């Protein structure tokens, strides 16, 4: 059973930064794509960013491109999401997920709340 545990969420003012972390259990972390998603109240979950197995390729939603950076440390079984220049519209619960590909995910974390005040 794979477990994904997010941390690093919180309350921040607009223009501020947060760094989310997602620690994964198991020995095969480097065999999988990892992604970040978010869900705002009353809205559907949306893709934020993904990173390839080696970390050499990254993908971003247009809404976060240039502000967010996804990275991973395979030695620590951890994926990160550095979020800069945060906006109130970034407020959501952020989830990390393990991906079979950049479009197909099979395990999800419990989520961490990010709130950006104006």
N, C-alpha and C. Protein backbone atom coordinates (compact mmCIF):
# COMPACT_ATOMS: atom_id res chain seq x y z
N UNK A 1 0.83 -1.18 0.00
CA UNK A 1 0.00 0.00 0.00
C UNK A 1 0.88 1.25 0.00
N UNK A 2 0.63 2.12 -0.93
CA UNK A 2 1.40 3.35 -1.05
C UNK A 2 0.74 4.44 -0.22
N UNK A 3 1.53 5.17 0.51
CA UNK A 3 1.01 6.32 1.26
C UNK A 3 1.71 7.58 0.80
N UNK A 4 0.93 8.61 0.58
CA UNK A 4 1.45 9.93 0.21
C UNK A 4 0.99 10.92 1.27
N UNK A 5 1.93 11.64 1.87
CA UNK A 5 1.59 12.55 2.95
C UNK A 5 2.09 13.95 2.60
N UNK A 6 1.15 14.87 2.42
CA UNK A 6 1.50 16.25 2.09
C UNK A 6 1.71 17.07 3.35
N UNK A 7 2.53 18.09 3.23
CA UNK A 7 2.74 19.04 4.33
C UNK A 7 3.17 20.38 3.73
N UNK A 8 3.13 21.41 4.57
CA UNK A 8 3.61 22.71 4.14
C UNK A 8 2.55 23.73 3.81
N UNK A 9 1.28 23.32 3.85
CA UNK A 9 0.22 24.27 3.58
C UNK A 9 0.07 25.28 4.70
N UNK A 10 -0.76 26.29 4.47
CA UNK A 10 -0.98 27.29 5.50
C UNK A 10 -1.63 28.53 4.94
N UNK A 11 -1.62 29.58 5.75
CA UNK A 11 -2.19 30.87 5.38
C UNK A 11 -1.07 31.82 5.02
N UNK A 12 -1.19 32.48 3.87
CA UNK A 12 -0.16 33.41 3.41
C UNK A 12 -0.84 34.58 2.72
N UNK A 13 -0.21 35.73 2.77
CA UNK A 13 -0.74 36.90 2.07
C UNK A 13 -0.43 36.83 0.59
N UNK A 14 -1.25 37.49 -0.19
CA UNK A 14 -1.02 37.56 -1.62
C UNK A 14 0.39 38.09 -1.89
N UNK A 15 1.06 37.46 -2.84
CA UNK A 15 2.43 37.82 -3.15
C UNK A 15 3.46 36.99 -2.40
N UNK A 16 3.00 36.25 -1.42
CA UNK A 16 3.90 35.44 -0.61
C UNK A 16 4.22 34.10 -1.25
N UNK A 17 4.94 33.28 -0.49
CA UNK A 17 5.41 31.98 -0.99
C UNK A 17 5.13 30.89 0.02
N UNK A 18 4.97 29.70 -0.49
CA UNK A 18 4.87 28.49 0.32
C UNK A 18 5.57 27.36 -0.42
N UNK A 19 6.07 26.39 0.33
CA UNK A 19 6.66 25.20 -0.27
C UNK A 19 5.95 23.99 0.27
N UNK A 20 5.29 23.26 -0.61
CA UNK A 20 4.62 22.03 -0.22
C UNK A 20 5.57 20.86 -0.41
N UNK A 21 5.42 19.87 0.46
CA UNK A 21 6.18 18.62 0.35
C UNK A 21 5.21 17.45 0.35
N UNK A 22 5.61 16.39 -0.31
CA UNK A 22 4.82 15.16 -0.33
C UNK A 22 5.78 14.00 -0.18
N UNK A 23 5.68 13.32 0.96
CA UNK A 23 6.54 12.18 1.23
C UNK A 23 5.80 10.89 0.88
N UNK A 24 6.48 10.03 0.14
CA UNK A 24 5.87 8.78 -0.32
C UNK A 24 6.51 7.59 0.36
N UNK A 25 5.69 6.60 0.67
CA UNK A 25 6.21 5.34 1.21
C UNK A 25 6.58 4.43 0.05
N UNK A 26 7.32 3.39 0.34
CA UNK A 26 7.65 2.40 -0.67
C UNK A 26 9.02 2.61 -1.29
N UNK A 27 9.44 1.60 -2.04
CA UNK A 27 10.79 1.59 -2.60
C UNK A 27 10.84 1.97 -4.06
N UNK A 28 9.68 2.21 -4.68
CA UNK A 28 9.65 2.41 -6.13
C UNK A 28 9.30 3.83 -6.51
N UNK A 29 9.57 4.78 -5.63
CA UNK A 29 9.19 6.17 -5.87
C UNK A 29 9.74 6.68 -7.21
N UNK A 30 10.97 6.35 -7.51
CA UNK A 30 11.60 6.86 -8.73
C UNK A 30 11.05 6.25 -10.00
N UNK A 31 10.19 5.24 -9.87
CA UNK A 31 9.60 4.59 -11.03
C UNK A 31 8.33 5.28 -11.52
N UNK A 32 7.91 6.32 -10.81
CA UNK A 32 6.63 6.92 -11.11
C UNK A 32 6.73 8.41 -11.35
N UNK A 33 5.88 8.88 -12.24
CA UNK A 33 5.62 10.31 -12.37
C UNK A 33 4.92 10.77 -11.09
N UNK A 34 5.17 12.00 -10.69
CA UNK A 34 4.47 12.56 -9.54
C UNK A 34 3.79 13.87 -9.96
N UNK A 35 2.63 14.09 -9.40
CA UNK A 35 1.87 15.29 -9.77
C UNK A 35 1.28 16.00 -8.58
N UNK A 36 0.95 17.26 -8.80
CA UNK A 36 0.21 18.06 -7.82
C UNK A 36 -1.10 18.52 -8.46
N UNK A 37 -2.14 18.44 -7.68
CA UNK A 37 -3.47 18.87 -8.10
C UNK A 37 -4.03 19.77 -7.00
N UNK A 38 -5.10 20.49 -7.32
CA UNK A 38 -5.75 21.30 -6.28
C UNK A 38 -7.25 21.33 -6.52
N UNK A 39 -7.96 21.57 -5.43
CA UNK A 39 -9.42 21.68 -5.51
C UNK A 39 -9.87 22.83 -4.62
N UNK A 40 -10.48 23.81 -5.24
CA UNK A 40 -11.03 24.95 -4.52
C UNK A 40 -12.48 24.66 -4.15
N UNK A 41 -13.01 25.33 -3.15
CA UNK A 41 -14.40 25.09 -2.75
C UNK A 41 -15.37 25.30 -3.91
N UNK A 42 -16.23 24.32 -4.13
CA UNK A 42 -17.23 24.44 -5.18
C UNK A 42 -16.71 24.21 -6.58
N UNK A 43 -15.44 23.83 -6.68
CA UNK A 43 -14.86 23.61 -8.01
C UNK A 43 -14.33 22.19 -8.13
N UNK A 44 -14.12 21.76 -9.36
CA UNK A 44 -13.55 20.44 -9.60
C UNK A 44 -12.04 20.47 -9.36
N UNK A 45 -11.52 19.30 -9.06
CA UNK A 45 -10.07 19.18 -8.90
C UNK A 45 -9.39 19.49 -10.24
N UNK A 46 -8.28 20.21 -10.17
CA UNK A 46 -7.57 20.57 -11.39
C UNK A 46 -6.08 20.25 -11.28
N UNK A 47 -5.50 19.98 -12.41
CA UNK A 47 -4.07 19.70 -12.50
C UNK A 47 -3.27 20.98 -12.23
N UNK A 48 -2.17 20.84 -11.50
CA UNK A 48 -1.29 21.96 -11.24
C UNK A 48 0.08 21.75 -11.90
N UNK A 49 0.70 20.62 -11.60
CA UNK A 49 2.04 20.37 -12.12
C UNK A 49 2.36 18.89 -12.04
N UNK A 50 3.31 18.45 -12.87
CA UNK A 50 3.77 17.07 -12.82
C UNK A 50 5.25 17.04 -13.15
N UNK A 51 5.90 15.96 -12.73
CA UNK A 51 7.33 15.83 -12.95
C UNK A 51 7.63 14.39 -13.34
N UNK A 52 8.55 14.22 -14.28
CA UNK A 52 8.91 12.89 -14.76
C UNK A 52 9.69 12.12 -13.70
N UNK A 53 9.92 10.85 -13.99
CA UNK A 53 10.55 9.96 -13.02
C UNK A 53 11.92 10.45 -12.58
N UNK A 54 12.69 10.94 -13.53
CA UNK A 54 14.04 11.41 -13.20
C UNK A 54 14.06 12.87 -12.74
N UNK A 55 12.95 13.56 -12.98
CA UNK A 55 12.89 14.98 -12.65
C UNK A 55 13.30 15.88 -13.80
N UNK A 56 13.66 15.31 -14.92
CA UNK A 56 14.16 16.09 -16.03
C UNK A 56 13.11 16.80 -16.86
N UNK A 57 11.86 16.36 -16.73
CA UNK A 57 10.77 16.97 -17.50
C UNK A 57 9.66 17.39 -16.54
N UNK A 58 9.16 18.59 -16.72
CA UNK A 58 8.09 19.10 -15.86
C UNK A 58 6.95 19.65 -16.72
N UNK A 59 5.77 19.63 -16.14
CA UNK A 59 4.57 20.12 -16.82
C UNK A 59 3.83 21.04 -15.84
N UNK A 60 3.23 22.09 -16.38
CA UNK A 60 2.51 23.04 -15.53
C UNK A 60 1.19 23.46 -16.16
N UNK A 61 0.23 23.73 -15.31
CA UNK A 61 -0.98 24.38 -15.78
C UNK A 61 -0.63 25.81 -16.14
N UNK A 62 -1.34 26.36 -17.12
CA UNK A 62 -1.05 27.72 -17.55
C UNK A 62 -1.20 28.72 -16.40
N UNK A 63 -2.13 28.43 -15.51
CA UNK A 63 -2.44 29.36 -14.42
C UNK A 63 -1.31 29.49 -13.41
N UNK A 64 -0.38 28.55 -13.39
CA UNK A 64 0.72 28.60 -12.40
C UNK A 64 2.09 28.70 -13.05
N UNK A 65 2.14 28.61 -14.35
CA UNK A 65 3.42 28.64 -15.05
C UNK A 65 4.16 29.93 -14.74
N UNK A 66 5.44 29.81 -14.41
CA UNK A 66 6.25 30.96 -14.07
C UNK A 66 6.20 31.35 -12.61
N UNK A 67 5.24 30.78 -11.87
CA UNK A 67 5.13 31.08 -10.43
C UNK A 67 5.42 29.85 -9.56
N UNK A 68 5.02 28.68 -10.03
CA UNK A 68 5.21 27.45 -9.27
C UNK A 68 6.33 26.62 -9.90
N UNK A 69 7.04 25.88 -9.04
CA UNK A 69 8.08 24.98 -9.51
C UNK A 69 7.94 23.63 -8.81
N UNK A 70 7.84 22.58 -9.61
CA UNK A 70 7.79 21.23 -9.06
C UNK A 70 9.18 20.62 -9.13
N UNK A 71 9.55 19.87 -8.10
CA UNK A 71 10.84 19.20 -8.08
C UNK A 71 10.70 17.92 -7.27
N UNK A 72 11.70 17.07 -7.33
CA UNK A 72 11.65 15.82 -6.58
C UNK A 72 13.04 15.44 -6.12
N UNK A 73 13.07 14.70 -5.02
CA UNK A 73 14.31 14.12 -4.50
C UNK A 73 14.06 12.63 -4.36
N UNK A 74 14.52 11.85 -5.30
CA UNK A 74 14.24 10.42 -5.29
C UNK A 74 14.93 9.70 -4.12
N UNK A 75 16.01 10.25 -3.64
CA UNK A 75 16.69 9.65 -2.49
C UNK A 75 15.85 9.79 -1.21
N UNK A 76 15.00 10.81 -1.18
CA UNK A 76 14.15 11.06 -0.01
C UNK A 76 12.69 10.69 -0.26
N UNK A 77 12.40 10.13 -1.42
CA UNK A 77 11.01 9.77 -1.75
C UNK A 77 10.06 10.95 -1.57
N UNK A 78 10.49 12.11 -2.00
CA UNK A 78 9.71 13.33 -1.75
C UNK A 78 9.60 14.17 -3.02
N UNK A 79 8.42 14.72 -3.21
CA UNK A 79 8.18 15.68 -4.29
C UNK A 79 7.77 17.00 -3.66
N UNK A 80 8.19 18.08 -4.29
CA UNK A 80 7.96 19.42 -3.74
C UNK A 80 7.19 20.28 -4.72
N UNK A 81 6.52 21.28 -4.19
CA UNK A 81 5.90 22.31 -5.02
C UNK A 81 6.23 23.66 -4.39
N UNK A 82 7.13 24.39 -5.03
CA UNK A 82 7.46 25.73 -4.58
C UNK A 82 6.49 26.70 -5.24
N UNK A 83 5.77 27.45 -4.41
CA UNK A 83 4.74 28.35 -4.91
C UNK A 83 5.12 29.78 -4.56
N UNK A 84 5.36 30.58 -5.57
CA UNK A 84 5.73 31.99 -5.39
C UNK A 84 4.65 32.89 -5.97
N UNK A 85 4.70 34.14 -5.60
CA UNK A 85 3.74 35.14 -6.11
C UNK A 85 2.31 34.63 -5.99
N UNK A 86 1.98 34.12 -4.84
CA UNK A 86 0.66 33.51 -4.64
C UNK A 86 -0.46 34.54 -4.77
N UNK A 87 -1.57 34.07 -5.30
CA UNK A 87 -2.75 34.89 -5.52
C UNK A 87 -3.93 34.31 -4.74
N UNK A 88 -4.92 35.11 -4.42
CA UNK A 88 -6.09 34.57 -3.72
C UNK A 88 -6.74 33.41 -4.48
N UNK A 89 -6.69 33.44 -5.79
CA UNK A 89 -7.28 32.35 -6.57
C UNK A 89 -6.49 31.05 -6.49
N UNK A 90 -5.34 31.06 -5.86
CA UNK A 90 -4.58 29.83 -5.62
C UNK A 90 -5.09 29.09 -4.38
N UNK A 91 -6.00 29.70 -3.65
CA UNK A 91 -6.56 29.07 -2.45
C UNK A 91 -7.27 27.77 -2.81
N UNK A 92 -6.87 26.69 -2.17
CA UNK A 92 -7.42 25.37 -2.47
C UNK A 92 -6.79 24.35 -1.54
N UNK A 93 -7.33 23.15 -1.58
CA UNK A 93 -6.65 21.99 -0.99
C UNK A 93 -5.75 21.41 -2.07
N UNK A 94 -4.49 21.23 -1.73
CA UNK A 94 -3.50 20.73 -2.68
C UNK A 94 -3.21 19.26 -2.39
N UNK A 95 -3.24 18.46 -3.45
CA UNK A 95 -3.03 17.02 -3.34
C UNK A 95 -1.83 16.61 -4.18
N UNK A 96 -1.03 15.71 -3.65
CA UNK A 96 -0.04 15.08 -4.52
C UNK A 96 -0.57 13.71 -4.94
N UNK A 97 -0.05 13.23 -6.04
CA UNK A 97 -0.51 11.96 -6.59
C UNK A 97 0.62 11.25 -7.29
N UNK A 98 0.54 9.92 -7.28
CA UNK A 98 1.51 9.09 -7.99
C UNK A 98 0.95 8.77 -9.35
N UNK A 99 1.76 8.95 -10.37
CA UNK A 99 1.27 8.77 -11.72
C UNK A 99 1.91 7.62 -12.47
N UNK A 100 1.05 6.88 -13.16
CA UNK A 100 1.54 5.88 -14.11
C UNK A 100 2.06 6.61 -15.35
N UNK A 101 1.44 7.72 -15.62
CA UNK A 101 1.89 8.65 -16.66
C UNK A 101 1.50 10.04 -16.20
N UNK A 102 1.80 11.03 -17.00
CA UNK A 102 1.46 12.41 -16.62
C UNK A 102 -0.05 12.65 -16.65
N UNK A 103 -0.80 11.70 -17.21
CA UNK A 103 -2.26 11.87 -17.30
C UNK A 103 -3.04 10.83 -16.52
N UNK A 104 -2.38 9.87 -15.93
CA UNK A 104 -3.07 8.80 -15.22
C UNK A 104 -2.44 8.60 -13.85
N UNK A 105 -3.23 8.78 -12.79
CA UNK A 105 -2.72 8.73 -11.42
C UNK A 105 -3.48 7.67 -10.62
N UNK A 106 -2.74 6.93 -9.77
CA UNK A 106 -3.38 5.83 -9.06
C UNK A 106 -3.42 5.97 -7.55
N UNK A 107 -2.57 6.77 -6.95
CA UNK A 107 -2.61 6.99 -5.51
C UNK A 107 -2.58 8.49 -5.21
N UNK A 108 -3.34 8.86 -4.17
CA UNK A 108 -3.49 10.27 -3.82
C UNK A 108 -3.22 10.47 -2.34
N UNK A 109 -2.69 11.64 -2.00
CA UNK A 109 -2.54 12.00 -0.61
C UNK A 109 -3.83 12.55 -0.05
N UNK A 110 -3.79 12.93 1.23
CA UNK A 110 -5.00 13.40 1.89
C UNK A 110 -5.23 14.90 1.68
N UNK A 111 -4.23 15.59 1.20
CA UNK A 111 -4.37 17.00 0.88
C UNK A 111 -3.86 17.92 1.97
N UNK A 112 -3.46 19.12 1.59
CA UNK A 112 -3.04 20.16 2.53
C UNK A 112 -3.65 21.48 2.08
N UNK A 113 -4.19 22.22 3.03
CA UNK A 113 -4.90 23.46 2.72
C UNK A 113 -3.93 24.60 2.50
N UNK A 114 -4.14 25.32 1.41
CA UNK A 114 -3.41 26.56 1.14
C UNK A 114 -4.44 27.68 1.03
N UNK A 115 -4.27 28.71 1.85
CA UNK A 115 -5.17 29.85 1.83
C UNK A 115 -4.36 31.11 1.59
N UNK A 116 -4.73 31.86 0.56
CA UNK A 116 -4.03 33.09 0.21
C UNK A 116 -4.99 34.26 0.45
N UNK A 117 -4.61 35.13 1.35
CA UNK A 117 -5.46 36.29 1.67
C UNK A 117 -5.08 37.49 0.82
N UNK A 118 -6.06 38.30 0.53
CA UNK A 118 -5.82 39.47 -0.32
C UNK A 118 -5.48 40.70 0.50
